[in-house]
Amino acid sequence: MNGDHISPPAEEARITAIRFDGVTVEVDYEGAPGVVYALDYSPDLSIWDEDIDDSLSGTGTATDNIVTRLGEAPPKAYYRLREIP
């Protein structure tokens, strides 16, 4: 090496748990400190609703009141976590 500093790859964000009580979905996630993430929802993995939360940081729990938002609980729900540039 010629003295150049190589940064390690950023910690990858991941969903660690999902809980549903019949009305509200709680999504636990882990991410890198200081990085902002968005939580997206899809009923079918093809169309994503990006209005859940777009200001998550570090590690924590995001809440989606899915029944209030959609009018009823969907038969399936998929969530993804993505980094906001």
PDB file of N, CA and C in Angstrom:
ATOM      1  N   MET A   1       0.853  -1.173   0.000  1.00  0.00           N
ATOM      2  CA  MET A   1       0.000   0.000   0.000  1.00  0.00           C
ATOM      3  C   MET A   1       0.894   1.229   0.000  1.00  0.00           C
ATOM      4  N   ASN A   2       0.402   2.275  -0.596  1.00  0.00           N
ATOM      5  CA  ASN A   2       1.183   3.497  -0.693  1.00  0.00           C
ATOM      6  C   ASN A   2       0.759   4.542   0.337  1.00  0.00           C
ATOM      7  N   GLY A   3       0.127   4.124   1.402  1.00  0.00           N
ATOM      8  CA  GLY A   3      -0.270   5.056   2.448  1.00  0.00           C
ATOM      9  C   GLY A   3      -1.701   5.548   2.315  1.00  0.00           C
ATOM     10  N   ASP A   4      -2.385   5.159   1.246  1.00  0.00           N
ATOM     11  CA  ASP A   4      -3.782   5.556   1.096  1.00  0.00           C
ATOM     12  C   ASP A   4      -4.613   4.888   2.176  1.00  0.00           C
ATOM     13  N   HIS A   5      -5.565   5.615   2.696  1.00  0.00           N
ATOM     14  CA  HIS A   5      -6.461   5.053   3.710  1.00  0.00           C
ATOM     15  C   HIS A   5      -7.672   4.447   3.012  1.00  0.00           C
ATOM     16  N   ILE A   6      -7.968   3.226   3.321  1.00  0.00           N
ATOM     17  CA  ILE A   6      -9.140   2.562   2.761  1.00  0.00           C
ATOM     18  C   ILE A   6     -10.150   2.404   3.881  1.00  0.00           C
ATOM     19  N   SER A   7     -11.328   2.978   3.692  1.00  0.00           N
ATOM     20  CA  SER A   7     -12.371   2.889   4.707  1.00  0.00           C
ATOM     21  C   SER A   7     -13.048   1.532   4.642  1.00  0.00           C
ATOM     22  N   PRO A   8     -13.396   0.995   5.804  1.00  0.00           N
ATOM     23  CA  PRO A   8     -14.153  -0.262   5.789  1.00  0.00           C
ATOM     24  C   PRO A   8     -15.536  -0.017   5.211  1.00  0.00           C
ATOM     25  N   PRO A   9     -16.170  -1.043   4.692  1.00  0.00           N
ATOM     26  CA  PRO A   9     -17.520  -0.853   4.154  1.00  0.00           C
ATOM     27  C   PRO A   9     -18.478  -0.417   5.254  1.00  0.00           C
ATOM     28  N   ALA A  10     -19.466   0.386   4.868  1.00  0.00           N
ATOM     29  CA  ALA A  10     -20.477   0.842   5.828  1.00  0.00           C
ATOM     30  C   ALA A  10     -21.266  -0.352   6.355  1.00  0.00           C
ATOM     31  N   GLU A  11     -21.659  -0.259   7.604  1.00  0.00           N
ATOM     32  CA  GLU A  11     -22.473  -1.320   8.199  1.00  0.00           C
ATOM     33  C   GLU A  11     -23.792  -1.410   7.442  1.00  0.00           C
ATOM     34  N   GLU A  12     -24.176  -2.601   7.071  1.00  0.00           N
ATOM     35  CA  GLU A  12     -25.408  -2.772   6.318  1.00  0.00           C
ATOM     36  C   GLU A  12     -26.605  -2.755   7.257  1.00  0.00           C
ATOM     37  N   ALA A  13     -27.622  -2.017   6.880  1.00  0.00           N
ATOM     38  CA  ALA A  13     -28.844  -1.952   7.684  1.00  0.00           C
ATOM     39  C   ALA A  13     -29.636  -3.234   7.500  1.00  0.00           C
ATOM     40  N   ARG A  14     -30.345  -3.623   8.570  1.00  0.00           N
ATOM     41  CA  ARG A  14     -31.168  -4.821   8.453  1.00  0.00           C
ATOM     42  C   ARG A  14     -32.344  -4.733   9.405  1.00  0.00           C
ATOM     43  N   ILE A  15     -33.427  -5.368   9.009  1.00  0.00           N
ATOM     44  CA  ILE A  15     -34.599  -5.511   9.862  1.00  0.00           C
ATOM     45  C   ILE A  15     -34.359  -6.725  10.749  1.00  0.00           C
ATOM     46  N   THR A  16     -34.551  -6.552  12.062  1.00  0.00           N
ATOM     47  CA  THR A  16     -34.255  -7.635  12.997  1.00  0.00           C
ATOM     48  C   THR A  16     -35.512  -8.287  13.567  1.00  0.00           C
ATOM     49  N   ALA A  17     -36.651  -7.595  13.524  1.00  0.00           N
ATOM     50  CA  ALA A  17     -37.901  -8.180  14.039  1.00  0.00           C
ATOM     51  C   ALA A  17     -39.081  -7.379  13.516  1.00  0.00           C
ATOM     52  N   ILE A  18     -40.204  -8.068  13.345  1.00  0.00           N
ATOM     53  CA  ILE A  18     -41.463  -7.431  12.962  1.00  0.00           C
ATOM     54  C   ILE A  18     -42.559  -7.994  13.856  1.00  0.00           C
ATOM     55  N   ARG A  19     -43.338  -7.097  14.469  1.00  0.00           N
ATOM     56  CA  ARG A  19     -44.448  -7.507  15.333  1.00  0.00           C
ATOM     57  C   ARG A  19     -45.730  -6.835  14.841  1.00  0.00           C
ATOM     58  N   PHE A  20     -46.840  -7.575  14.886  1.00  0.00           N
ATOM     59  CA  PHE A  20     -48.140  -7.044  14.460  1.00  0.00           C
ATOM     60  C   PHE A  20     -49.171  -7.397  15.516  1.00  0.00           C
ATOM     61  N   ASP A  21     -49.897  -6.386  16.019  1.00  0.00           N
ATOM     62  CA  ASP A  21     -50.890  -6.620  17.071  1.00  0.00           C
ATOM     63  C   ASP A  21     -52.326  -6.567  16.552  1.00  0.00           C
ATOM     64  N   GLY A  22     -52.504  -6.621  15.231  1.00  0.00           N
ATOM     65  CA  GLY A  22     -53.826  -6.528  14.634  1.00  0.00           C
ATOM     66  C   GLY A  22     -54.126  -5.150  14.077  1.00  0.00           C
ATOM     67  N   VAL A  23     -53.373  -4.146  14.508  1.00  0.00           N
ATOM     68  CA  VAL A  23     -53.555  -2.772  14.033  1.00  0.00           C
ATOM     69  C   VAL A  23     -52.212  -2.146  13.658  1.00  0.00           C
ATOM     70  N   THR A  24     -51.247  -2.281  14.529  1.00  0.00           N
ATOM     71  CA  THR A  24     -49.967  -1.603  14.379  1.00  0.00           C
ATOM     72  C   THR A  24     -48.847  -2.607  14.131  1.00  0.00           C
ATOM     73  N   VAL A  25     -47.966  -2.238  13.221  1.00  0.00           N
ATOM     74  CA  VAL A  25     -46.770  -3.032  12.951  1.00  0.00           C
ATOM     75  C   VAL A  25     -45.580  -2.302  13.567  1.00  0.00           C
ATOM     76  N   GLU A  26     -44.768  -3.027  14.327  1.00  0.00           N
ATOM     77  CA  GLU A  26     -43.518  -2.489  14.835  1.00  0.00           C
ATOM     78  C   GLU A  26     -42.382  -3.215  14.145  1.00  0.00           C
ATOM     79  N   VAL A  27     -41.453  -2.443  13.597  1.00  0.00           N
ATOM     80  CA  VAL A  27     -40.323  -2.993  12.868  1.00  0.00           C
ATOM     81  C   VAL A  27     -39.041  -2.566  13.580  1.00  0.00           C
ATOM     82  N   ASP A  28     -38.310  -3.536  14.125  1.00  0.00           N
ATOM     83  CA  ASP A  28     -37.007  -3.262  14.733  1.00  0.00           C
ATOM     84  C   ASP A  28     -35.962  -3.328  13.643  1.00  0.00           C
ATOM     85  N   TYR A  29     -34.992  -2.422  13.707  1.00  0.00           N
ATOM     86  CA  TYR A  29     -33.944  -2.391  12.692  1.00  0.00           C
ATOM     87  C   TYR A  29     -32.611  -2.043  13.332  1.00  0.00           C
ATOM     88  N   GLU A  30     -31.543  -2.410  12.648  1.00  0.00           N
ATOM     89  CA  GLU A  30     -30.182  -2.060  13.038  1.00  0.00           C
ATOM     90  C   GLU A  30     -29.521  -1.383  11.858  1.00  0.00           C
ATOM     91  N   GLY A  31     -28.828  -0.304  12.142  1.00  0.00           N
ATOM     92  CA  GLY A  31     -28.124   0.408  11.096  1.00  0.00           C
ATOM     93  C   GLY A  31     -26.894   1.090  11.658  1.00  0.00           C
ATOM     94  N   ALA A  32     -26.195   1.796  10.813  1.00  0.00           N
ATOM     95  CA  ALA A  32     -24.977   2.488  11.206  1.00  0.00           C
ATOM     96  C   ALA A  32     -25.322   3.820  11.864  1.00  0.00           C
ATOM     97  N   PRO A  33     -24.600   4.189  12.925  1.00  0.00           N
ATOM     98  CA  PRO A  33     -24.826   5.488  13.556  1.00  0.00           C
ATOM     99  C   PRO A  33     -24.593   6.620  12.558  1.00  0.00           C
ATOM    100  N   GLY A  34     -25.451   7.624  12.602  1.00  0.00           N
ATOM    101  CA  GLY A  34     -25.294   8.787  11.740  1.00  0.00           C
ATOM    102  C   GLY A  34     -25.830   8.613  10.331  1.00  0.00           C
ATOM    103  N   VAL A  35     -26.326   7.432   9.991  1.00  0.00           N
ATOM    104  CA  VAL A  35     -26.887   7.186   8.663  1.00  0.00           C
ATOM    105  C   VAL A  35     -28.405   7.242   8.777  1.00  0.00           C
ATOM    106  N   VAL A  36     -29.052   7.869   7.794  1.00  0.00           N
ATOM    107  CA  VAL A  36     -30.513   7.995   7.792  1.00  0.00           C
ATOM    108  C   VAL A  36     -31.093   6.944   6.855  1.00  0.00           C
ATOM    109  N   TYR A  37     -32.162   6.290   7.324  1.00  0.00           N
ATOM    110  CA  TYR A  37     -32.815   5.224   6.564  1.00  0.00           C
ATOM    111  C   TYR A  37     -34.288   5.549   6.348  1.00  0.00           C
ATOM    112  N   ALA A  38     -34.873   4.885   5.358  1.00  0.00           N
ATOM    113  CA  ALA A  38     -36.314   4.954   5.116  1.00  0.00           C
ATOM    114  C   ALA A  38     -36.884   3.551   5.257  1.00  0.00           C
ATOM    115  N   LEU A  39     -38.091   3.478   5.800  1.00  0.00           N
ATOM    116  CA  LEU A  39     -38.809   2.214   5.895  1.00  0.00           C
ATOM    117  C   LEU A  39     -39.921   2.234   4.863  1.00  0.00           C
ATOM    118  N   ASP A  40     -39.919   1.258   3.958  1.00  0.00           N
ATOM    119  CA  ASP A  40     -40.905   1.162   2.889  1.00  0.00           C
ATOM    120  C   ASP A  40     -41.788  -0.060   3.107  1.00  0.00           C
ATOM    121  N   TYR A  41     -43.008   0.003   2.581  1.00  0.00           N
ATOM    122  CA  TYR A  41     -43.991  -1.077   2.686  1.00  0.00           C
ATOM    123  C   TYR A  41     -44.445  -1.491   1.289  1.00  0.00           C
ATOM    124  N   SER A  42     -44.700  -2.784   1.108  1.00  0.00           N
ATOM    125  CA  SER A  42     -45.280  -3.284  -0.137  1.00  0.00           C
ATOM    126  C   SER A  42     -46.251  -4.420   0.173  1.00  0.00           C
ATOM    127  N   PRO A  43     -47.388  -4.466  -0.528  1.00  0.00           N
ATOM    128  CA  PRO A  43     -48.299  -5.593  -0.357  1.00  0.00           C
ATOM    129  C   PRO A  43     -47.899  -6.800  -1.214  1.00  0.00           C
ATOM    130  N   ASP A  44     -46.994  -6.571  -2.208  1.00  0.00           N
ATOM    131  CA  ASP A  44     -46.713  -7.633  -3.177  1.00  0.00           C
ATOM    132  C   ASP A  44     -45.266  -7.673  -3.684  1.00  0.00           C
ATOM    133  N   LEU A  45     -44.386  -6.901  -3.110  1.00  0.00           N
ATOM    134  CA  LEU A  45     -42.976  -6.802  -3.500  1.00  0.00           C
ATOM    135  C   LEU A  45     -42.745  -6.147  -4.863  1.00  0.00           C
ATOM    136  N   SER A  46     -43.794  -5.623  -5.498  1.00  0.00           N
ATOM    137  CA  SER A  46     -43.586  -4.943  -6.778  1.00  0.00           C
ATOM    138  C   SER A  46     -43.841  -3.442  -6.676  1.00  0.00           C
ATOM    139  N   ILE A  47     -44.790  -3.031  -5.883  1.00  0.00           N
ATOM    140  CA  ILE A  47     -45.079  -1.608  -5.675  1.00  0.00           C
ATOM    141  C   ILE A  47     -44.763  -1.278  -4.229  1.00  0.00           C
ATOM    142  N   TRP A  48     -43.899  -0.276  -4.017  1.00  0.00           N
ATOM    143  CA  TRP A  48     -43.458   0.087  -2.673  1.00  0.00           C
ATOM    144  C   TRP A  48     -44.032   1.437  -2.271  1.00  0.00           C
ATOM    145  N   ASP A  49     -44.605   1.515  -1.089  1.00  0.00           N
ATOM    146  CA  ASP A  49     -45.102   2.747  -0.498  1.00  0.00           C
ATOM    147  C   ASP A  49     -43.967   3.318   0.334  1.00  0.00           C
ATOM    148  N   GLU A  50     -43.459   4.461  -0.047  1.00  0.00           N
ATOM    149  CA  GLU A  50     -42.310   5.025   0.642  1.00  0.00           C
ATOM    150  C   GLU A  50     -42.716   6.066   1.675  1.00  0.00           C
ATOM    151  N   ASP A  51     -43.957   6.030   2.132  1.00  0.00           N
ATOM    152  CA  ASP A  51     -44.450   7.037   3.060  1.00  0.00           C
ATOM    153  C   ASP A  51     -44.456   6.597   4.519  1.00  0.00           C
ATOM    154  N   ILE A  52     -43.878   5.458   4.843  1.00  0.00           N
ATOM    155  CA  ILE A  52     -43.918   4.971   6.223  1.00  0.00           C
ATOM    156  C   ILE A  52     -43.064   5.874   7.107  1.00  0.00           C
ATOM    157  N   ASP A  53     -41.783   5.925   6.864  1.00  0.00           N
ATOM    158  CA  ASP A  53     -40.878   6.785   7.626  1.00  0.00           C
ATOM    159  C   ASP A  53     -39.601   6.940   6.831  1.00  0.00           C
ATOM    160  N   ASP A  54     -39.164   8.187   6.639  1.00  0.00           N
ATOM    161  CA  ASP A  54     -37.936   8.417   5.885  1.00  0.00           C
ATOM    162  C   ASP A  54     -36.918   9.206   6.695  1.00  0.00           C
ATOM    163  N   SER A  55     -36.984   9.065   8.011  1.00  0.00           N
ATOM    164  CA  SER A  55     -36.028   9.776   8.856  1.00  0.00           C
ATOM    165  C   SER A  55     -35.542   8.909  10.016  1.00  0.00           C
ATOM    166  N   LEU A  56     -35.369   7.630   9.764  1.00  0.00           N
ATOM    167  CA  LEU A  56     -34.866   6.718  10.790  1.00  0.00           C
ATOM    168  C   LEU A  56     -33.348   6.811  10.832  1.00  0.00           C
ATOM    169  N   SER A  57     -32.783   6.757  12.021  1.00  0.00           N
ATOM    170  CA  SER A  57     -31.329   6.794  12.114  1.00  0.00           C
ATOM    171  C   SER A  57     -30.836   5.739  13.089  1.00  0.00           C
ATOM    172  N   GLY A  58     -29.592   5.308  12.848  1.00  0.00           N
ATOM    173  CA  GLY A  58     -28.962   4.347  13.743  1.00  0.00           C
ATOM    174  C   GLY A  58     -29.742   3.060  13.885  1.00  0.00           C
ATOM    175  N   THR A  59     -30.058   2.696  15.133  1.00  0.00           N
ATOM    176  CA  THR A  59     -30.773   1.469  15.447  1.00  0.00           C
ATOM    177  C   THR A  59     -31.989   1.812  16.279  1.00  0.00           C
ATOM    178  N   GLY A  60     -33.122   1.149  16.019  1.00  0.00           N
ATOM    179  CA  GLY A  60     -34.316   1.443  16.798  1.00  0.00           C
ATOM    180  C   GLY A  60     -35.527   0.661  16.341  1.00  0.00           C
ATOM    181  N   THR A  61     -36.706   1.243  16.593  1.00  0.00           N
ATOM    182  CA  THR A  61     -37.977   0.643  16.212  1.00  0.00           C
ATOM    183  C   THR A  61     -38.801   1.676  15.467  1.00  0.00           C
ATOM    184  N   ALA A  62     -39.348   1.279  14.316  1.00  0.00           N
ATOM    185  CA  ALA A  62     -40.262   2.126  13.556  1.00  0.00           C
ATOM    186  C   ALA A  62     -41.659   1.543  13.708  1.00  0.00           C
ATOM    187  N   THR A  63     -42.668   2.411  13.753  1.00  0.00           N
ATOM    188  CA  THR A  63     -44.046   1.974  13.926  1.00  0.00           C
ATOM    189  C   THR A  63     -44.876   2.377  12.716  1.00  0.00           C
ATOM    190  N   ASP A  64     -45.686   1.447  12.220  1.00  0.00           N
ATOM    191  CA  ASP A  64     -46.595   1.698  11.105  1.00  0.00           C
ATOM    192  C   ASP A  64     -47.991   1.311  11.544  1.00  0.00           C
ATOM    193  N   ASN A  65     -48.898   2.282  11.660  1.00  0.00           N
ATOM    194  CA  ASN A  65     -50.289   1.983  11.990  1.00  0.00           C
ATOM    195  C   ASN A  65     -50.975   1.577  10.691  1.00  0.00           C
ATOM    196  N   ILE A  66     -50.734   0.345  10.290  1.00  0.00           N
ATOM    197  CA  ILE A  66     -51.109  -0.134   8.957  1.00  0.00           C
ATOM    198  C   ILE A  66     -52.624  -0.186   8.747  1.00  0.00           C
ATOM    199  N   VAL A  67     -53.396  -0.529   9.762  1.00  0.00           N
ATOM    200  CA  VAL A  67     -54.847  -0.617   9.605  1.00  0.00           C
ATOM    201  C   VAL A  67     -55.442   0.774   9.400  1.00  0.00           C
ATOM    202  N   THR A  68     -54.984   1.755  10.161  1.00  0.00           N
ATOM    203  CA  THR A  68     -55.466   3.125   9.983  1.00  0.00           C
ATOM    204  C   THR A  68     -55.068   3.654   8.612  1.00  0.00           C
ATOM    205  N   ARG A  69     -53.839   3.374   8.198  1.00  0.00           N
ATOM    206  CA  ARG A  69     -53.327   3.884   6.927  1.00  0.00           C
ATOM    207  C   ARG A  69     -54.020   3.244   5.735  1.00  0.00           C
ATOM    208  N   LEU A  70     -54.258   1.933   5.777  1.00  0.00           N
ATOM    209  CA  LEU A  70     -54.829   1.221   4.631  1.00  0.00           C
ATOM    210  C   LEU A  70     -56.326   0.961   4.753  1.00  0.00           C
ATOM    211  N   GLY A  71     -56.889   1.153   5.950  1.00  0.00           N
ATOM    212  CA  GLY A  71     -58.303   0.885   6.153  1.00  0.00           C
ATOM    213  C   GLY A  71     -58.582  -0.519   6.644  1.00  0.00           C
ATOM    214  N   GLU A  72     -57.626  -1.426   6.475  1.00  0.00           N
ATOM    215  CA  GLU A  72     -57.756  -2.797   6.962  1.00  0.00           C
ATOM    216  C   GLU A  72     -56.380  -3.449   6.950  1.00  0.00           C
ATOM    217  N   ALA A  73     -56.253  -4.529   7.672  1.00  0.00           N
ATOM    218  CA  ALA A  73     -54.989  -5.264   7.658  1.00  0.00           C
ATOM    219  C   ALA A  73     -54.870  -6.031   6.350  1.00  0.00           C
ATOM    220  N   PRO A  74     -53.773  -5.879   5.624  1.00  0.00           N
ATOM    221  CA  PRO A  74     -53.607  -6.638   4.382  1.00  0.00           C
ATOM    222  C   PRO A  74     -53.280  -8.099   4.693  1.00  0.00           C
ATOM    223  N   PRO A  75     -53.551  -9.008   3.737  1.00  0.00           N
ATOM    224  CA  PRO A  75     -53.226 -10.415   3.973  1.00  0.00           C
ATOM    225  C   PRO A  75     -51.721 -10.654   4.074  1.00  0.00           C
ATOM    226  N   LYS A  76     -50.931  -9.797   3.405  1.00  0.00           N
ATOM    227  CA  LYS A  76     -49.475  -9.882   3.456  1.00  0.00           C
ATOM    228  C   LYS A  76     -48.915  -8.469   3.527  1.00  0.00           C
ATOM    229  N   ALA A  77     -47.760  -8.346   4.154  1.00  0.00           N
ATOM    230  CA  ALA A  77     -47.083  -7.055   4.207  1.00  0.00           C
ATOM    231  C   ALA A  77     -45.587  -7.304   4.185  1.00  0.00           C
ATOM    232  N   TYR A  78     -44.893  -6.556   3.337  1.00  0.00           N
ATOM    233  CA  TYR A  78     -43.454  -6.666   3.226  1.00  0.00           C
ATOM    234  C   TYR A  78     -42.853  -5.300   3.556  1.00  0.00           C
ATOM    235  N   TYR A  79     -41.745  -5.315   4.264  1.00  0.00           N
ATOM    236  CA  TYR A  79     -41.067  -4.088   4.620  1.00  0.00           C
ATOM    237  C   TYR A  79     -39.624  -4.177   4.171  1.00  0.00           C
ATOM    238  N   ARG A  80     -39.060  -3.022   3.807  1.00  0.00           N
ATOM    239  CA  ARG A  80     -37.643  -2.948   3.484  1.00  0.00           C
ATOM    240  C   ARG A  80     -37.070  -1.670   4.106  1.00  0.00           C
ATOM    241  N   LEU A  81     -35.798  -1.724   4.397  1.00  0.00           N
ATOM    242  CA  LEU A  81     -35.080  -0.609   4.957  1.00  0.00           C
ATOM    243  C   LEU A  81     -34.044  -0.191   3.920  1.00  0.00           C
ATOM    244  N   ARG A  82     -33.999   1.111   3.617  1.00  0.00           N
ATOM    245  CA  ARG A  82     -33.015   1.574   2.631  1.00  0.00           C
ATOM    246  C   ARG A  82     -32.355   2.853   3.134  1.00  0.00           C
ATOM    247  N   GLU A  83     -31.118   3.031   2.727  1.00  0.00           N
ATOM    248  CA  GLU A  83     -30.362   4.211   3.124  1.00  0.00           C
ATOM    249  C   GLU A  83     -30.806   5.414   2.303  1.00  0.00           C
ATOM    250  N   ILE A  84     -30.943   6.555   2.982  1.00  0.00           N
ATOM    251  CA  ILE A  84     -31.259   7.816   2.312  1.00  0.00           C
ATOM    252  C   ILE A  84     -29.928   8.528   2.059  1.00  0.00           C
ATOM    253  N   PRO A  85     -29.628   8.837   0.793  1.00  0.00           N
ATOM    254  CA  PRO A  85     -28.347   9.507   0.500  1.00  0.00           C
ATOM    255  C   PRO A  85     -28.301  10.920   1.052  1.00  0.00           C
TER     256      PRO A  85
END
